[in-house]
């Protein structure tokens, strides 16, 4: 059995490829451009397959004898559909690193098709969805009939060009929460609160984060909100963006910003990754006051993603890959996040 990394020469793809080889795997490196793939293959001793997502036959051919695809080439709203199509046609398990709400929602509609194909469809197998989904489900499991789930994230470190381009692609969009079991669009920065991340309390602002979608499949909790710790000035800018959403959605503005991003470094340096860290907080509660709250401390976000993605591939190669649309928690259980080296979970409070 083998796994294929598509978009392997991107910043995060390279981290995952190196982590996979370090863990004893020999992934097939894939993408559009042969030059960087061959350079990586020479360094890592791995096979290579070249193919463009605009050529469906070539994509299907790349998946010959492949057990699973880890799709690392975003923005996934554009690149995901052709790869998912090929995976479902060939019965290949599909994983990606998306944080895009449209992708999560679109893939839920392909559950029946994936089950018929015997393939797992699992988006968001990195930071932030792995820790937010697993920890949110962990606390929800401890409060029967919980009605409210809140998740908050803190990440210390810098971001890659790919992440910035994905964020630019989503500019002009509003927020997203789950209310009464249904997804509801809200203005940017719709809710604000403070959260104790263990070292101190931080102000957090609501964001359209993946666990808002995944919680509807991982738990029975009808109301969910996700938050991100941001500096006050960034919070003010995000809340003000609701008044210029039309401009932020304009194609030429997005193209200009993406070109500016490409002038910067590809992503955090090794030293920056070593110095970074992540903390995820989650709390589930019932109207009568019973609640459970937990925190998860982990490595820097890109290191977290590489380790989580490889851990998922190892689970699949060991035979754990339930067919259909899955979340990290439904596919591998709430303790899957503890497979990520350097991650610790603490149950902070449970009351009734």
Protein backbone atom coordinates (compact mmCIF):
# COMPACT_ATOMS: atom_id res chain seq x y z
CA UNK A 1 0.00 0.00 0.00
CA UNK A 2 1.17 3.53 -0.75
CA UNK A 3 0.18 7.15 -0.23
CA UNK A 4 0.47 10.09 -2.59
CA UNK A 5 1.22 13.68 -1.57
CA UNK A 6 -0.12 16.07 -4.19
CA UNK A 7 1.38 19.55 -4.01
CA UNK A 8 4.39 18.04 -2.26
CA UNK A 9 6.75 20.88 -3.16
CA UNK A 10 4.71 23.58 -1.43
CA UNK A 11 5.85 24.81 1.97
CA UNK A 12 3.60 22.51 4.02
CA UNK A 13 3.91 19.66 1.53
CA UNK A 14 7.68 19.65 1.98
CA UNK A 15 7.32 19.49 5.77
CA UNK A 16 4.90 16.57 5.48
CA UNK A 17 7.11 14.72 2.99
CA UNK A 18 10.13 14.99 5.29
CA UNK A 19 8.08 13.95 8.32
CA UNK A 20 6.65 10.97 6.43
CA UNK A 21 10.09 9.73 5.42
CA UNK A 22 11.37 10.25 8.98
CA UNK A 23 8.49 8.04 10.19
CA UNK A 24 9.44 5.24 7.80
CA UNK A 25 6.98 5.95 4.97
CA UNK A 26 7.89 6.30 1.29
CA UNK A 27 5.20 8.62 -0.09
CA UNK A 28 4.78 9.25 -3.79
CA UNK A 29 5.51 12.93 -4.38
CA UNK A 30 3.16 14.49 -6.92
CA UNK A 31 2.30 17.82 -8.47
CA UNK A 32 2.31 19.83 -11.69
CA UNK A 33 6.03 20.65 -11.93
CA UNK A 34 8.60 17.89 -12.40
CA UNK A 35 11.67 19.96 -11.47
CA UNK A 36 10.95 20.53 -7.76
CA UNK A 37 9.50 17.02 -7.45
CA UNK A 38 12.64 15.42 -8.82
CA UNK A 39 14.80 17.59 -6.58
CA UNK A 40 12.84 16.44 -3.53
CA UNK A 41 12.86 12.83 -4.66
CA UNK A 42 16.63 12.88 -5.00
CA UNK A 43 16.97 14.16 -1.44
CA UNK A 44 14.36 11.88 0.14
CA UNK A 45 14.62 8.75 -2.01
CA UNK A 46 10.93 8.70 -2.90
CA UNK A 47 9.03 8.07 -6.18
CA UNK A 48 7.49 10.87 -8.24
CA UNK A 49 4.35 11.25 -10.36
CA UNK A 50 3.59 14.37 -12.40
CA UNK A 51 0.10 15.49 -13.34
CA UNK A 52 -2.03 18.60 -13.70
CA UNK A 53 -5.43 18.73 -12.02
CA UNK A 54 -6.91 20.08 -15.26
CA UNK A 55 -6.22 16.69 -16.91
CA UNK A 56 -8.68 14.23 -15.30
CA UNK A 57 -7.29 11.14 -17.02
CA UNK A 58 -3.79 11.94 -15.84
CA UNK A 59 -5.00 12.52 -12.29
CA UNK A 60 -6.78 9.15 -12.27
CA UNK A 61 -3.65 7.49 -13.64
CA UNK A 62 -1.60 8.99 -10.80
CA UNK A 63 -3.84 7.20 -8.31
CA UNK A 64 -3.19 3.75 -9.74
CA UNK A 65 -2.28 1.43 -6.83
CA UNK A 66 -2.51 4.33 -4.35
CA UNK A 67 -4.31 3.74 -1.04
CA UNK A 68 -4.72 7.38 -0.04
CA UNK A 69 -4.10 10.89 -1.33
CA UNK A 70 -3.06 13.73 0.94
CA UNK A 71 -3.92 16.84 -1.05
CA UNK A 72 -1.59 19.72 -0.08
CA UNK A 73 -2.23 22.18 -2.93
CA UNK A 74 -4.66 24.96 -2.08
CA UNK A 75 -6.77 27.00 -2.30
CA UNK A 76 -8.86 23.86 -2.01
CA UNK A 77 -12.07 25.44 -3.21
CA UNK A 78 -10.41 25.37 -6.65
CA UNK A 79 -8.04 22.39 -6.46
CA UNK A 80 -10.11 20.03 -4.34
CA UNK A 81 -13.00 19.04 -6.67
CA UNK A 82 -10.91 17.42 -9.45
CA UNK A 83 -8.86 15.44 -6.93
CA UNK A 84 -11.96 14.34 -5.01
CA UNK A 85 -13.59 13.28 -8.29
CA UNK A 86 -10.57 11.15 -9.15
CA UNK A 87 -10.42 9.60 -5.69
CA UNK A 88 -14.08 8.60 -5.72
CA UNK A 89 -13.76 7.15 -9.22
CA UNK A 90 -10.77 5.04 -8.15
CA UNK A 91 -11.84 4.22 -4.57
CA UNK A 92 -8.89 6.13 -3.11
CA UNK A 93 -9.08 7.69 0.34
CA UNK A 94 -8.94 11.51 0.19
CA UNK A 95 -7.43 13.80 2.83
CA UNK A 96 -6.54 17.48 2.63
CA UNK A 97 -5.36 20.39 4.77
CA UNK A 98 -8.17 22.82 4.05
CA UNK A 99 -9.53 25.39 6.43
CA UNK A 100 -12.05 26.71 3.89
CA UNK A 101 -15.68 26.57 4.97
CA UNK A 102 -17.04 26.05 1.45
CA UNK A 103 -14.84 22.98 1.06
CA UNK A 104 -16.05 21.42 4.32
CA UNK A 105 -19.67 22.04 3.38
CA UNK A 106 -19.29 20.83 -0.21
CA UNK A 107 -17.62 17.59 0.84
CA UNK A 108 -20.42 16.72 3.26
CA UNK A 109 -22.68 16.41 0.20
CA UNK A 110 -20.46 13.64 -1.20
CA UNK A 111 -20.86 11.30 1.75
CA UNK A 112 -23.13 8.79 0.00
CA UNK A 113 -20.96 8.78 -3.12
CA UNK A 114 -17.85 8.16 -1.02
CA UNK A 115 -19.48 5.31 0.91
CA UNK A 116 -20.49 3.65 -2.33
CA UNK A 117 -16.91 3.96 -3.57
CA UNK A 118 -15.55 2.61 -0.28
CA UNK A 119 -13.43 5.73 0.10
CA UNK A 120 -12.95 8.03 3.05
CA UNK A 121 -13.23 11.78 2.50
CA UNK A 122 -11.50 13.61 5.34
CA UNK A 123 -10.80 17.35 4.93
CA UNK A 124 -8.78 19.43 7.37
CA UNK A 125 -6.29 16.86 8.65
CA UNK A 126 -3.93 19.44 10.15
CA UNK A 127 -3.95 22.47 12.39
CA UNK A 128 -6.46 23.82 13.20
CA UNK A 129 -9.19 21.26 12.57
CA UNK A 130 -7.53 18.17 14.10
CA UNK A 131 -7.15 19.74 17.57
CA UNK A 132 -10.39 21.76 17.48
CA UNK A 133 -12.52 18.83 16.31
CA UNK A 134 -10.93 16.26 18.61
CA UNK A 135 -10.96 18.51 21.69
CA UNK A 136 -14.47 19.80 21.01
CA UNK A 137 -15.75 16.25 20.70
CA UNK A 138 -13.80 15.25 23.83
CA UNK A 139 -15.62 17.81 26.00
CA UNK A 140 -18.99 17.23 24.31
CA UNK A 141 -18.74 13.51 25.12
CA UNK A 142 -18.47 14.44 28.80
CA UNK A 143 -21.67 16.48 28.90
CA UNK A 144 -24.68 14.43 27.78
CA UNK A 145 -27.25 16.57 25.99
CA UNK A 146 -24.93 19.58 25.83
CA UNK A 147 -26.47 22.45 23.90
CA UNK A 148 -23.47 24.76 23.45
CA UNK A 149 -19.93 24.07 22.25
CA UNK A 150 -17.22 26.72 22.10
CA UNK A 151 -13.69 26.26 20.76
CA UNK A 152 -10.89 28.84 20.85
CA UNK A 153 -7.43 28.74 19.30
CA UNK A 154 -4.15 30.48 20.02
CA UNK A 155 -1.18 30.07 17.69
CA UNK A 156 2.21 31.62 18.29
CA UNK A 157 4.21 31.85 15.07
CA UNK A 158 4.17 33.11 11.49
CA UNK A 159 2.27 31.85 8.46
CA UNK A 160 3.24 30.55 5.02
CA UNK A 161 2.55 32.04 1.60
CA UNK A 162 0.00 29.30 0.95
CA UNK A 163 -1.92 30.08 4.13
CA UNK A 164 -1.95 33.79 3.33
CA UNK A 165 -3.21 33.13 -0.20
CA UNK A 166 -6.00 30.97 1.16
CA UNK A 167 -6.97 33.72 3.61
CA UNK A 168 -6.96 36.25 0.77
CA UNK A 169 -9.18 33.95 -1.29
CA UNK A 170 -11.72 33.97 1.54
CA UNK A 171 -11.66 37.74 2.07
CA UNK A 172 -15.01 39.41 1.88
CA UNK A 173 -16.76 36.41 3.36
CA UNK A 174 -18.63 36.65 6.65
CA UNK A 175 -18.39 34.50 9.73
CA UNK A 176 -20.06 31.16 10.39
CA UNK A 177 -21.63 29.64 13.50
CA UNK A 178 -23.88 26.68 14.19
CA UNK A 179 -27.26 27.49 15.71
CA UNK A 180 -30.10 25.04 16.38
CA UNK A 181 -28.24 22.43 14.39
CA UNK A 182 -27.87 24.55 11.24
CA UNK A 183 -24.98 26.60 9.88
CA UNK A 184 -25.67 30.32 10.05
CA UNK A 185 -23.72 33.07 8.33
CA UNK A 186 -22.88 36.05 10.54
CA UNK A 187 -20.81 39.25 10.10
CA UNK A 188 -17.00 39.06 10.50
CA UNK A 189 -15.95 39.12 14.14
CA UNK A 190 -19.55 38.56 15.21
CA UNK A 191 -18.83 37.55 18.84
CA UNK A 192 -16.08 38.37 21.31
CA UNK A 193 -15.10 36.92 24.70
CA UNK A 194 -12.05 36.12 26.83
CA UNK A 195 -10.55 32.65 27.24
CA UNK A 196 -8.05 31.27 29.74
CA UNK A 197 -5.35 29.55 27.68
CA UNK A 198 -3.44 28.37 30.73
CA UNK A 199 -0.74 31.04 30.83
CA UNK A 200 -3.20 33.94 30.84
CA UNK A 201 -6.59 35.09 29.57
CA UNK A 202 -6.74 36.36 26.02
CA UNK A 203 -9.37 38.21 24.05
CA UNK A 204 -10.78 36.08 21.23
CA UNK A 205 -13.00 36.86 18.26
CA UNK A 206 -15.36 34.49 16.48
CA UNK A 207 -14.12 33.12 13.15
CA UNK A 208 -15.41 30.69 10.49
CA UNK A 209 -13.23 27.78 11.66
CA UNK A 210 -13.59 24.17 10.56
CA UNK A 211 -14.94 22.80 13.85
CA UNK A 212 -18.11 24.85 13.32
CA UNK A 213 -18.86 22.47 10.44
CA UNK A 214 -17.28 19.29 11.80
CA UNK A 215 -19.03 19.57 15.17
CA UNK A 216 -22.30 18.87 13.39
CA UNK A 217 -20.94 15.42 12.47
CA UNK A 218 -18.68 14.68 15.43
CA UNK A 219 -21.20 15.68 18.11
CA UNK A 220 -24.91 16.16 18.72
CA UNK A 221 -24.40 19.68 20.11
CA UNK A 222 -26.72 22.05 18.22
CA UNK A 223 -24.88 25.34 18.85
CA UNK A 224 -21.18 25.86 18.11
CA UNK A 225 -18.90 28.89 17.89
CA UNK A 226 -15.16 29.00 17.15
CA UNK A 227 -12.82 31.79 18.22
CA UNK A 228 -9.26 32.89 17.53
CA UNK A 229 -6.95 34.87 19.80
CA UNK A 230 -5.94 38.02 17.93
CA UNK A 231 -4.26 41.32 18.90
CA UNK A 232 -6.79 44.12 19.60
CA UNK A 233 -5.85 46.07 16.47
CA UNK A 234 -6.41 42.98 14.29
CA UNK A 235 -9.75 42.38 15.95
CA UNK A 236 -10.78 45.95 15.17
CA UNK A 237 -9.74 45.60 11.53
CA UNK A 238 -11.60 42.29 11.19
CA UNK A 239 -14.79 43.70 12.67
CA UNK A 240 -14.51 46.78 10.45
CA UNK A 241 -14.08 44.61 7.34
CA UNK A 242 -17.83 43.93 7.33
CA UNK A 243 -18.27 47.43 5.90
CA UNK A 244 -15.97 46.87 2.90
CA UNK A 245 -16.78 43.25 2.07
CA UNK A 246 -17.57 44.11 -1.54
CA UNK A 247 -14.11 45.61 -2.09
CA UNK A 248 -12.38 42.67 -0.37
CA UNK A 249 -14.24 40.24 -2.65
CA UNK A 250 -13.09 42.04 -5.82
CA UNK A 251 -10.84 39.81 -7.94
CA UNK A 252 -8.20 42.43 -8.85
CA UNK A 253 -7.69 43.28 -5.16
CA UNK A 254 -7.17 39.63 -4.30
CA UNK A 255 -4.75 39.14 -7.19
CA UNK A 256 -2.69 42.15 -6.10
CA UNK A 257 -2.50 40.93 -2.52
CA UNK A 258 -1.43 37.45 -3.63
CA UNK A 259 1.38 38.93 -5.72
CA UNK A 260 2.55 40.91 -2.70
CA UNK A 261 2.51 37.74 -0.60
CA UNK A 262 4.80 36.03 -3.12
CA UNK A 263 7.46 38.67 -2.43
CA UNK A 264 7.85 37.42 1.12
CA UNK A 265 9.39 34.26 2.62
CA UNK A 266 7.69 30.92 1.86
CA UNK A 267 6.94 30.27 5.53
CA UNK A 268 8.36 30.07 9.04
CA UNK A 269 12.02 29.15 9.40
CA UNK A 270 13.02 26.01 11.35
CA UNK A 271 13.94 28.22 14.34
CA UNK A 272 10.57 29.96 14.20
CA UNK A 273 8.78 26.61 14.12
CA UNK A 274 10.75 25.38 17.13
CA UNK A 275 9.86 28.51 19.08
CA UNK A 276 6.18 28.51 18.15
CA UNK A 277 3.35 26.78 20.00
CA UNK A 278 -0.39 26.25 19.84
CA UNK A 279 -3.12 26.08 22.45
CA UNK A 280 -6.71 25.00 21.87
CA UNK A 281 -9.48 25.50 24.44
CA UNK A 282 -12.90 23.88 24.29
CA UNK A 283 -15.96 23.93 26.49
CA UNK A 284 -19.33 22.15 26.26
CA UNK A 285 -22.25 23.01 28.50
CA UNK A 286 -25.91 22.33 29.20
CA UNK A 287 -28.54 24.90 30.16
CA UNK A 288 -28.57 23.57 33.75
CA UNK A 289 -24.94 24.60 34.21
CA UNK A 290 -23.19 21.26 33.74
CA UNK A 291 -20.07 21.76 31.65
CA UNK A 292 -16.70 20.31 30.71
CA UNK A 293 -13.70 22.42 29.70
CA UNK A 294 -10.33 21.23 28.40
CA UNK A 295 -7.12 22.61 26.93
CA UNK A 296 -4.73 21.13 24.41
CA UNK A 297 -1.11 22.32 24.23
CA UNK A 298 0.77 21.44 21.07
CA UNK A 299 3.70 22.32 18.81
CA UNK A 300 3.82 25.19 16.33
CA UNK A 301 1.00 25.08 13.76
CA UNK A 302 2.95 23.84 10.71
CA UNK A 303 4.86 21.29 12.76
CA UNK A 304 1.50 20.19 14.19
CA UNK A 305 0.06 19.83 10.70
CA UNK A 306 2.95 17.73 9.41
CA UNK A 307 2.82 15.37 12.38
CA UNK A 308 -0.98 15.08 12.34
CA UNK A 309 -1.10 14.42 8.59
CA UNK A 310 1.51 11.66 8.79
CA UNK A 311 -0.23 10.13 11.82
CA UNK A 312 -3.45 10.00 9.78
CA UNK A 313 -1.68 8.34 6.85
CA UNK A 314 -0.24 5.75 9.21
CA UNK A 315 -3.71 5.02 10.58
CA UNK A 316 -5.00 4.49 7.05
CA UNK A 317 -2.13 2.20 6.10
CA UNK A 318 -2.85 0.21 9.29
CA UNK A 319 -6.42 -0.32 8.07
CA UNK A 320 -8.37 2.47 9.81
CA UNK A 321 -10.29 4.38 7.14
CA UNK A 322 -14.09 4.35 7.55
CA UNK A 323 -15.76 5.18 4.22
CA UNK A 324 -17.77 8.33 3.61
CA UNK A 325 -17.37 11.90 4.84
CA UNK A 326 -15.42 11.92 8.09
CA UNK A 327 -13.97 14.34 10.60
CA UNK A 328 -10.72 13.69 12.48
CA UNK A 329 -12.71 12.58 15.54
CA UNK A 330 -15.19 10.34 13.69
CA UNK A 331 -12.43 8.72 11.64
CA UNK A 332 -9.86 8.12 14.36
CA UNK A 333 -11.40 9.03 17.73
CA UNK A 334 -10.88 11.97 20.08
CA UNK A 335 -7.52 10.63 21.28
CA UNK A 336 -6.09 10.79 17.75
CA UNK A 337 -4.80 14.28 18.48
CA UNK A 338 -2.55 12.80 21.17
CA UNK A 339 -0.72 10.90 18.41
CA UNK A 340 0.81 14.26 17.49
CA UNK A 341 4.20 14.36 19.19
CA UNK A 342 4.44 17.20 21.70
CA UNK A 343 0.70 17.41 22.37
CA UNK A 344 -0.83 17.30 25.86
CA UNK A 345 -4.50 17.45 26.84
CA UNK A 346 -5.82 18.63 30.20
CA UNK A 347 -9.39 18.42 31.49
CA UNK A 348 -9.60 21.80 33.17
CA UNK A 349 -13.06 21.63 34.70
CA UNK A 350 -16.13 19.44 34.84
CA UNK A 351 -19.11 20.60 36.89
CA UNK A 352 -22.77 19.85 37.42
